[in-house]
N, C-alpha and C. Protein backbone atom coordinates (compact mmCIF):
# COMPACT_ATOMS: atom_id res chain seq x y z
N MET A 1 154.82 119.27 92.34
CA MET A 1 153.70 119.91 91.68
C MET A 1 152.51 118.96 91.60
N VAL A 2 152.79 117.70 91.30
CA VAL A 2 151.71 116.70 91.21
C VAL A 2 151.01 116.56 92.55
N GLN A 3 151.79 116.48 93.63
CA GLN A 3 151.19 116.32 94.95
C GLN A 3 150.37 117.55 95.32
N TYR A 4 150.84 118.74 94.97
CA TYR A 4 150.11 119.97 95.24
C TYR A 4 148.76 119.95 94.51
N GLU A 5 148.75 119.53 93.27
CA GLU A 5 147.51 119.45 92.50
C GLU A 5 146.55 118.42 93.10
N LEU A 6 147.08 117.31 93.57
CA LEU A 6 146.23 116.29 94.19
C LEU A 6 145.61 116.81 95.49
N PHE A 7 146.41 117.56 96.26
CA PHE A 7 145.86 118.16 97.48
C PHE A 7 144.76 119.16 97.16
N LEU A 8 144.94 119.95 96.10
CA LEU A 8 143.91 120.90 95.68
C LEU A 8 142.62 120.19 95.28
N GLU A 9 142.75 119.07 94.55
CA GLU A 9 141.57 118.31 94.16
C GLU A 9 140.83 117.77 95.39
N GLN A 10 141.60 117.29 96.36
CA GLN A 10 140.97 116.78 97.58
C GLN A 10 140.31 117.90 98.37
N ALA A 11 140.92 119.07 98.39
CA ALA A 11 140.32 120.20 99.10
C ALA A 11 138.99 120.59 98.45
N LYS A 12 138.93 120.56 97.12
CA LYS A 12 137.69 120.85 96.42
C LYS A 12 136.64 119.80 96.73
N ALA A 13 137.04 118.53 96.76
CA ALA A 13 136.11 117.45 97.08
C ALA A 13 135.61 117.59 98.52
N GLY A 14 136.48 118.02 99.41
CA GLY A 14 136.08 118.22 100.80
C GLY A 14 135.08 119.34 100.94
N SER A 15 135.28 120.42 100.21
CA SER A 15 134.32 121.53 100.28
C SER A 15 133.00 121.17 99.62
N ALA A 16 133.03 120.16 98.73
CA ALA A 16 131.80 119.70 98.08
C ALA A 16 131.05 118.70 98.96
N GLY A 17 131.64 118.29 100.09
CA GLY A 17 130.93 117.41 101.01
C GLY A 17 131.55 116.04 101.21
N ASP A 18 132.68 115.75 100.57
CA ASP A 18 133.33 114.46 100.75
C ASP A 18 134.00 114.43 102.12
N VAL A 19 133.48 113.57 103.02
CA VAL A 19 134.01 113.54 104.39
C VAL A 19 135.36 112.85 104.48
N GLU A 20 135.74 112.07 103.48
CA GLU A 20 137.02 111.37 103.50
C GLU A 20 138.15 112.18 102.87
N ALA A 21 137.85 113.32 102.28
CA ALA A 21 138.88 114.13 101.62
C ALA A 21 139.79 114.76 102.67
N MET A 22 141.07 114.75 102.38
CA MET A 22 142.06 115.32 103.29
C MET A 22 142.21 116.82 103.04
N ILE A 23 142.70 117.52 104.07
CA ILE A 23 142.93 118.96 103.92
C ILE A 23 144.29 119.19 103.27
N MET A 24 144.51 120.40 102.83
CA MET A 24 145.77 120.77 102.19
C MET A 24 146.89 120.73 103.22
N ASP A 25 147.97 120.01 102.90
CA ASP A 25 149.13 119.90 103.78
C ASP A 25 150.27 120.72 103.19
N ASP A 26 150.27 122.03 103.50
CA ASP A 26 151.25 122.95 102.92
C ASP A 26 152.68 122.61 103.35
N SER A 27 152.87 122.19 104.58
CA SER A 27 154.23 121.91 105.04
C SER A 27 154.82 120.70 104.31
N PHE A 28 153.99 119.72 103.98
CA PHE A 28 154.47 118.57 103.23
C PHE A 28 154.85 118.97 101.80
N VAL A 29 154.02 119.81 101.18
CA VAL A 29 154.32 120.29 99.82
C VAL A 29 155.61 121.10 99.83
N THR A 30 155.81 121.94 100.84
CA THR A 30 157.04 122.73 100.95
C THR A 30 158.25 121.82 101.11
N ALA A 31 158.12 120.78 101.93
CA ALA A 31 159.23 119.83 102.10
C ALA A 31 159.55 119.14 100.79
N LEU A 32 158.52 118.81 100.00
CA LEU A 32 158.75 118.19 98.70
C LEU A 32 159.49 119.14 97.76
N GLU A 33 159.13 120.42 97.81
CA GLU A 33 159.77 121.42 96.94
C GLU A 33 161.25 121.59 97.30
N HIS A 34 161.59 121.41 98.57
CA HIS A 34 162.97 121.60 99.01
C HIS A 34 163.81 120.34 98.90
N GLY A 35 163.28 119.29 98.35
CA GLY A 35 164.08 118.09 98.10
C GLY A 35 163.88 116.97 99.10
N LEU A 36 162.69 116.79 99.56
CA LEU A 36 162.42 115.66 100.44
C LEU A 36 162.69 114.36 99.68
N PRO A 37 163.49 113.49 100.24
CA PRO A 37 163.78 112.23 99.54
C PRO A 37 162.51 111.37 99.45
N PRO A 38 162.51 110.44 98.53
CA PRO A 38 161.34 109.56 98.41
C PRO A 38 161.03 108.87 99.74
N THR A 39 159.77 108.85 100.09
CA THR A 39 159.37 108.27 101.37
C THR A 39 158.32 107.19 101.14
N GLY A 40 158.18 106.36 102.10
CA GLY A 40 157.16 105.32 102.06
C GLY A 40 156.94 104.79 103.47
N GLY A 41 155.77 104.31 103.74
CA GLY A 41 155.47 103.79 105.06
C GLY A 41 155.81 102.33 105.17
N PHE A 42 156.59 101.97 106.19
CA PHE A 42 156.93 100.58 106.41
C PHE A 42 157.35 100.45 107.86
N GLY A 43 156.72 99.56 108.59
CA GLY A 43 157.09 99.32 109.98
C GLY A 43 157.22 97.84 110.22
N LEU A 44 158.33 97.43 110.79
CA LEU A 44 158.56 96.02 111.06
C LEU A 44 159.03 95.89 112.49
N GLY A 45 158.24 95.20 113.31
CA GLY A 45 158.61 95.01 114.70
C GLY A 45 159.74 94.01 114.83
N ILE A 46 160.48 94.11 115.93
CA ILE A 46 161.63 93.24 116.14
C ILE A 46 161.20 91.78 116.23
N ASP A 47 160.00 91.52 116.79
CA ASP A 47 159.51 90.14 116.88
C ASP A 47 159.23 89.57 115.50
N ARG A 48 158.62 90.35 114.64
CA ARG A 48 158.34 89.87 113.28
C ARG A 48 159.64 89.69 112.48
N LEU A 49 160.59 90.59 112.66
CA LEU A 49 161.87 90.46 111.97
C LEU A 49 162.60 89.19 112.43
N THR A 50 162.60 88.96 113.73
CA THR A 50 163.22 87.74 114.27
C THR A 50 162.51 86.50 113.75
N MET A 51 161.20 86.56 113.67
CA MET A 51 160.43 85.44 113.14
C MET A 51 160.83 85.15 111.69
N PHE A 52 160.99 86.21 110.91
CA PHE A 52 161.39 86.05 109.51
C PHE A 52 162.80 85.49 109.40
N LEU A 53 163.73 86.06 110.16
CA LEU A 53 165.14 85.64 110.06
C LEU A 53 165.35 84.21 110.57
N SER A 54 164.54 83.77 111.52
CA SER A 54 164.71 82.42 112.06
C SER A 54 163.79 81.40 111.37
N ASN A 55 163.08 81.85 110.35
CA ASN A 55 162.21 80.98 109.55
C ASN A 55 161.17 80.26 110.42
N LYS A 56 160.52 81.02 111.32
CA LYS A 56 159.47 80.47 112.18
C LYS A 56 158.12 80.93 111.65
N ASN A 57 157.10 80.07 111.83
CA ASN A 57 155.76 80.40 111.35
C ASN A 57 154.85 80.95 112.44
N ASN A 58 155.26 80.87 113.69
CA ASN A 58 154.45 81.32 114.80
C ASN A 58 155.25 82.31 115.63
N ILE A 59 154.68 83.46 115.89
CA ILE A 59 155.41 84.50 116.62
C ILE A 59 155.70 84.08 118.06
N LYS A 60 154.89 83.17 118.60
CA LYS A 60 155.13 82.70 119.96
C LYS A 60 156.47 81.99 120.09
N GLU A 61 157.00 81.49 118.98
CA GLU A 61 158.27 80.79 119.00
C GLU A 61 159.46 81.74 119.15
N VAL A 62 159.28 83.01 118.90
CA VAL A 62 160.40 83.96 118.97
C VAL A 62 160.21 85.02 120.04
N LEU A 63 159.10 84.99 120.77
CA LEU A 63 158.88 85.98 121.82
C LEU A 63 159.90 85.82 122.93
N LEU A 64 160.24 86.91 123.58
CA LEU A 64 161.26 86.89 124.61
C LEU A 64 160.84 86.04 125.80
N PHE A 65 159.59 86.13 126.23
CA PHE A 65 159.09 85.37 127.37
C PHE A 65 157.89 84.52 126.94
N PRO A 66 158.09 83.53 126.09
CA PRO A 66 156.95 82.75 125.58
C PRO A 66 156.28 81.91 126.66
N ALA A 67 157.00 81.54 127.71
CA ALA A 67 156.41 80.71 128.75
C ALA A 67 155.33 81.47 129.52
N MET A 68 155.39 82.77 129.51
CA MET A 68 154.41 83.58 130.23
C MET A 68 153.11 83.69 129.45
N LYS A 69 153.13 83.41 128.18
CA LYS A 69 151.95 83.51 127.35
C LYS A 69 151.32 82.13 127.23
N PRO A 70 150.03 82.00 127.58
CA PRO A 70 149.41 80.68 127.47
C PRO A 70 149.24 80.26 126.01
N THR A 71 149.31 78.97 125.77
CA THR A 71 149.10 78.45 124.42
C THR A 71 147.61 78.51 124.09
N ASP A 72 147.29 78.26 122.83
CA ASP A 72 145.89 78.27 122.42
C ASP A 72 145.10 77.20 123.16
N ALA A 73 145.69 76.04 123.35
CA ALA A 73 145.02 74.95 124.07
C ALA A 73 144.76 75.35 125.52
N GLU A 74 145.74 75.99 126.15
CA GLU A 74 145.56 76.45 127.53
C GLU A 74 144.48 77.51 127.63
N MET A 75 144.44 78.42 126.65
CA MET A 75 143.41 79.46 126.66
C MET A 75 142.01 78.86 126.51
N SER A 76 141.85 77.86 125.65
CA SER A 76 140.53 77.26 125.49
C SER A 76 140.14 76.48 126.74
N LEU A 77 141.08 75.85 127.42
CA LEU A 77 140.81 75.15 128.65
C LEU A 77 140.41 76.12 129.76
N ILE A 78 141.10 77.25 129.85
CA ILE A 78 140.77 78.27 130.84
C ILE A 78 139.36 78.81 130.60
N ALA A 79 139.05 79.10 129.34
CA ALA A 79 137.73 79.63 129.02
C ALA A 79 136.64 78.61 129.33
N LYS A 80 136.89 77.34 129.02
CA LYS A 80 135.91 76.28 129.28
C LYS A 80 135.67 76.14 130.78
N ASN A 81 136.74 76.11 131.57
CA ASN A 81 136.60 75.98 133.03
C ASN A 81 135.90 77.17 133.64
N LYS A 82 136.22 78.35 133.14
CA LYS A 82 135.59 79.56 133.66
C LYS A 82 134.09 79.56 133.36
N LYS A 83 133.74 79.14 132.15
CA LYS A 83 132.33 79.10 131.76
C LYS A 83 131.57 78.08 132.59
N ASN A 84 132.14 76.90 132.77
CA ASN A 84 131.49 75.86 133.57
C ASN A 84 131.32 76.28 135.02
N ALA A 85 132.35 76.91 135.57
CA ALA A 85 132.29 77.33 136.97
C ALA A 85 131.25 78.42 137.17
N SER A 86 131.23 79.40 136.28
CA SER A 86 130.29 80.50 136.46
C SER A 86 128.86 80.05 136.22
N SER A 87 128.61 79.20 135.23
CA SER A 87 127.24 78.77 134.97
C SER A 87 126.75 77.85 136.08
N ALA A 88 127.61 76.99 136.62
CA ALA A 88 127.20 76.09 137.68
C ALA A 88 126.87 76.86 138.95
N SER A 89 127.73 77.83 139.31
CA SER A 89 127.49 78.58 140.53
C SER A 89 126.28 79.49 140.40
N THR A 90 126.07 80.06 139.22
CA THR A 90 124.92 80.94 139.02
C THR A 90 123.63 80.15 139.03
N LYS A 91 123.59 78.99 138.38
CA LYS A 91 122.38 78.17 138.37
C LYS A 91 122.02 77.75 139.79
N ALA A 92 123.03 77.38 140.58
CA ALA A 92 122.77 76.98 141.96
C ALA A 92 122.21 78.16 142.75
N ASP A 93 122.76 79.34 142.53
CA ASP A 93 122.30 80.52 143.24
C ASP A 93 120.87 80.88 142.85
N LEU A 94 120.50 80.68 141.60
CA LEU A 94 119.16 81.06 141.14
C LEU A 94 118.09 80.08 141.57
N SER A 95 118.46 78.86 141.90
CA SER A 95 117.46 77.87 142.30
C SER A 95 116.73 78.31 143.56
N GLN A 96 117.33 79.10 144.41
CA GLN A 96 116.69 79.55 145.64
C GLN A 96 115.54 80.53 145.38
N PHE A 97 115.49 81.10 144.15
CA PHE A 97 114.45 82.08 143.86
C PHE A 97 113.25 81.48 143.15
N GLU A 98 113.36 80.20 142.74
CA GLU A 98 112.24 79.56 142.06
C GLU A 98 111.12 79.33 143.06
N GLY A 99 109.97 79.92 142.78
CA GLY A 99 108.81 79.78 143.66
C GLY A 99 108.88 80.62 144.91
N ALA A 100 109.95 81.38 145.08
CA ALA A 100 110.10 82.20 146.29
C ALA A 100 109.25 83.46 146.18
N ASP A 101 108.81 83.95 147.34
CA ASP A 101 108.06 85.20 147.40
C ASP A 101 109.07 86.34 147.35
N MET A 102 109.15 86.98 146.19
CA MET A 102 110.17 88.02 146.01
C MET A 102 109.79 89.35 146.66
N SER A 103 108.69 89.37 147.39
CA SER A 103 108.37 90.57 148.14
C SER A 103 108.81 90.43 149.60
N SER A 104 109.33 89.27 149.96
CA SER A 104 109.80 89.07 151.33
C SER A 104 111.20 89.63 151.50
N GLU A 105 111.48 90.06 152.71
CA GLU A 105 112.78 90.65 153.00
C GLU A 105 113.91 89.63 152.86
N ALA A 106 113.66 88.38 153.22
CA ALA A 106 114.69 87.34 153.13
C ALA A 106 115.08 87.07 151.68
N SER A 107 114.08 86.99 150.79
CA SER A 107 114.38 86.74 149.37
C SER A 107 115.12 87.91 148.75
N LEU A 108 114.69 89.12 149.09
CA LEU A 108 115.36 90.31 148.55
C LEU A 108 116.78 90.43 149.09
N LYS A 109 117.00 90.03 150.34
CA LYS A 109 118.34 90.07 150.92
C LYS A 109 119.24 89.07 150.19
N ALA A 110 118.70 87.88 149.88
CA ALA A 110 119.48 86.88 149.15
C ALA A 110 119.82 87.39 147.75
N LEU A 111 118.86 88.05 147.10
CA LEU A 111 119.11 88.62 145.78
C LEU A 111 120.13 89.75 145.87
N ASP A 112 120.04 90.55 146.92
CA ASP A 112 120.99 91.64 147.12
C ASP A 112 122.40 91.10 147.28
N ASP A 113 122.55 90.01 148.00
CA ASP A 113 123.87 89.38 148.17
C ASP A 113 124.38 88.82 146.85
N LEU A 114 123.48 88.22 146.06
CA LEU A 114 123.87 87.65 144.76
C LEU A 114 124.35 88.73 143.81
N LEU A 115 123.73 89.91 143.88
CA LEU A 115 124.07 91.00 142.96
C LEU A 115 125.26 91.84 143.42
N ALA A 116 125.81 91.55 144.56
CA ALA A 116 126.93 92.34 145.09
C ALA A 116 128.09 92.35 144.11
N GLY A 117 128.48 93.54 143.68
CA GLY A 117 129.62 93.71 142.77
C GLY A 117 129.32 93.42 141.32
N LYS A 118 128.05 93.18 140.99
CA LYS A 118 127.69 92.87 139.60
C LYS A 118 126.55 93.78 139.16
N ALA A 119 126.52 94.09 137.87
CA ALA A 119 125.44 94.89 137.32
C ALA A 119 124.23 94.02 137.00
N PHE A 120 124.48 92.77 136.62
CA PHE A 120 123.42 91.84 136.26
C PHE A 120 123.67 90.52 136.99
N ILE A 121 122.70 89.64 136.97
CA ILE A 121 122.81 88.37 137.70
C ILE A 121 124.03 87.57 137.26
N HIS A 122 124.27 87.52 135.95
CA HIS A 122 125.39 86.73 135.44
C HIS A 122 126.66 87.57 135.25
N GLY A 123 126.69 88.77 135.76
CA GLY A 123 127.90 89.58 135.65
C GLY A 123 127.71 90.87 134.89
N THR A 124 128.27 90.93 133.67
CA THR A 124 128.29 92.19 132.93
C THR A 124 127.28 92.30 131.81
N ALA A 125 126.51 91.24 131.57
CA ALA A 125 125.54 91.28 130.48
C ALA A 125 124.17 90.82 130.98
N PRO A 126 123.11 91.48 130.53
CA PRO A 126 121.78 91.07 130.96
C PRO A 126 121.40 89.72 130.35
N SER A 127 120.52 88.99 131.03
CA SER A 127 120.11 87.68 130.54
C SER A 127 118.62 87.49 130.78
N ARG A 128 118.13 86.36 130.29
CA ARG A 128 116.72 86.02 130.50
C ARG A 128 116.42 85.90 131.99
N ASP A 129 117.39 85.41 132.77
CA ASP A 129 117.20 85.29 134.22
C ASP A 129 116.95 86.65 134.85
N ASP A 130 117.67 87.67 134.38
CA ASP A 130 117.44 89.03 134.89
C ASP A 130 116.00 89.46 134.62
N ALA A 131 115.56 89.26 133.37
CA ALA A 131 114.22 89.69 132.99
C ALA A 131 113.14 88.96 133.78
N GLU A 132 113.29 87.65 133.94
CA GLU A 132 112.29 86.86 134.66
C GLU A 132 112.24 87.23 136.13
N LEU A 133 113.40 87.41 136.74
CA LEU A 133 113.43 87.76 138.16
C LEU A 133 112.92 89.17 138.40
N LEU A 134 113.19 90.06 137.46
CA LEU A 134 112.69 91.43 137.60
C LEU A 134 111.17 91.46 137.65
N GLU A 135 110.53 90.62 136.83
CA GLU A 135 109.06 90.57 136.82
C GLU A 135 108.50 90.14 138.17
N LYS A 136 109.25 89.34 138.91
CA LYS A 136 108.83 88.90 140.24
C LYS A 136 109.10 89.97 141.29
N VAL A 137 110.16 90.75 141.09
CA VAL A 137 110.58 91.73 142.10
C VAL A 137 109.79 93.03 142.01
N LEU A 138 109.50 93.48 140.80
CA LEU A 138 108.89 94.81 140.62
C LEU A 138 107.56 95.02 141.36
N PRO A 139 106.66 94.06 141.41
CA PRO A 139 105.41 94.33 142.13
C PRO A 139 105.58 94.46 143.64
N GLY A 140 106.78 94.23 144.15
CA GLY A 140 107.02 94.25 145.60
C GLY A 140 106.95 95.64 146.20
N ASP A 141 107.22 95.69 147.49
CA ASP A 141 107.18 96.92 148.28
C ASP A 141 108.35 97.83 147.91
N ALA A 142 108.04 99.03 147.44
CA ALA A 142 109.08 99.96 146.98
C ALA A 142 109.99 100.41 148.12
N THR A 143 109.43 100.58 149.32
CA THR A 143 110.27 101.03 150.44
C THR A 143 111.24 99.92 150.86
N LEU A 144 110.80 98.67 150.79
CA LEU A 144 111.70 97.56 151.10
C LEU A 144 112.78 97.43 150.03
N LEU A 145 112.40 97.61 148.78
CA LEU A 145 113.38 97.57 147.68
C LEU A 145 114.45 98.65 147.86
N ALA A 146 114.04 99.82 148.32
CA ALA A 146 114.97 100.93 148.47
C ALA A 146 116.03 100.65 149.54
N THR A 147 115.73 99.76 150.48
CA THR A 147 116.71 99.45 151.53
C THR A 147 117.79 98.49 151.04
N MET A 148 117.51 97.80 149.94
CA MET A 148 118.48 96.86 149.36
C MET A 148 119.26 97.58 148.26
N LYS A 149 120.48 97.98 148.57
CA LYS A 149 121.28 98.80 147.65
C LYS A 149 121.48 98.15 146.29
N ASN A 150 121.90 96.90 146.26
CA ASN A 150 122.18 96.23 144.99
C ASN A 150 120.92 95.95 144.19
N VAL A 151 119.87 95.51 144.88
CA VAL A 151 118.60 95.23 144.19
C VAL A 151 118.01 96.52 143.64
N SER A 152 118.12 97.58 144.40
CA SER A 152 117.59 98.88 143.95
C SER A 152 118.31 99.35 142.68
N ALA A 153 119.63 99.25 142.67
CA ALA A 153 120.40 99.65 141.50
C ALA A 153 120.09 98.75 140.32
N TRP A 154 119.94 97.45 140.57
CA TRP A 154 119.63 96.46 139.53
C TRP A 154 118.27 96.73 138.91
N THR A 155 117.26 96.98 139.75
CA THR A 155 115.92 97.27 139.21
C THR A 155 115.91 98.57 138.42
N SER A 156 116.63 99.57 138.90
CA SER A 156 116.70 100.85 138.18
C SER A 156 117.35 100.65 136.81
N LEU A 157 118.42 99.88 136.77
CA LEU A 157 119.13 99.63 135.52
C LEU A 157 118.25 98.85 134.54
N LEU A 158 117.64 97.78 135.00
CA LEU A 158 116.82 96.96 134.12
C LEU A 158 115.56 97.69 133.66
N SER A 159 115.04 98.58 134.49
CA SER A 159 113.84 99.33 134.13
C SER A 159 114.09 100.32 133.00
N MET A 160 115.35 100.62 132.73
CA MET A 160 115.69 101.51 131.61
C MET A 160 115.42 100.83 130.27
N PHE A 161 115.42 99.49 130.25
CA PHE A 161 115.15 98.75 129.04
C PHE A 161 113.65 98.54 128.90
N SER A 162 113.15 98.63 127.70
CA SER A 162 111.72 98.39 127.47
C SER A 162 111.40 96.92 127.68
N ALA A 163 110.12 96.62 127.87
CA ALA A 163 109.69 95.23 128.06
C ALA A 163 110.03 94.39 126.83
N GLU A 164 109.96 94.99 125.65
CA GLU A 164 110.29 94.26 124.42
C GLU A 164 111.76 93.87 124.39
N VAL A 165 112.62 94.79 124.81
CA VAL A 165 114.06 94.50 124.84
C VAL A 165 114.36 93.42 125.87
N ARG A 166 113.75 93.53 127.05
CA ARG A 166 113.98 92.53 128.09
C ARG A 166 113.48 91.15 127.64
N ALA A 167 112.42 91.12 126.85
CA ALA A 167 111.89 89.83 126.36
C ALA A 167 112.85 89.20 125.35
N SER A 168 113.69 89.99 124.72
CA SER A 168 114.62 89.45 123.72
C SER A 168 115.88 88.85 124.34
N TRP A 169 116.08 89.02 125.63
CA TRP A 169 117.30 88.50 126.27
C TRP A 169 117.25 87.00 126.36
């Protein structure tokens, strides 16, 4: 009876505009009336149970295949190496565009090759380099730009952002 009354109160609150109020669960109330035993939510995974029973403080110590999971130190080393490699290769690639005439076919071809398989110069996120290079590319020949598939897609994507947004990168 108590649960039924609580559901009714929530239904009234929901009709009054409360978006968090739950709807009436008639089947649950019926199950309670027929003698549903006391229930409660509790879930314990086998890894956590093993961790508890073996008095371990780190779940990696009880995982079935812990050697396949890198340690925290290994993960930070991987991230550091990946960051250094990507920034070094990208900086080297961008040096060819400094002072280059971005309306020439050779420069656009080099940019097209750099953008192959990527949405932005540095991968998946726009950067200041994207914004600066776009300013050099846009005044160029539109028909030449259209022949470069990656550069054309890149300019179309970046042009969707306002100049103010591009300046904030």
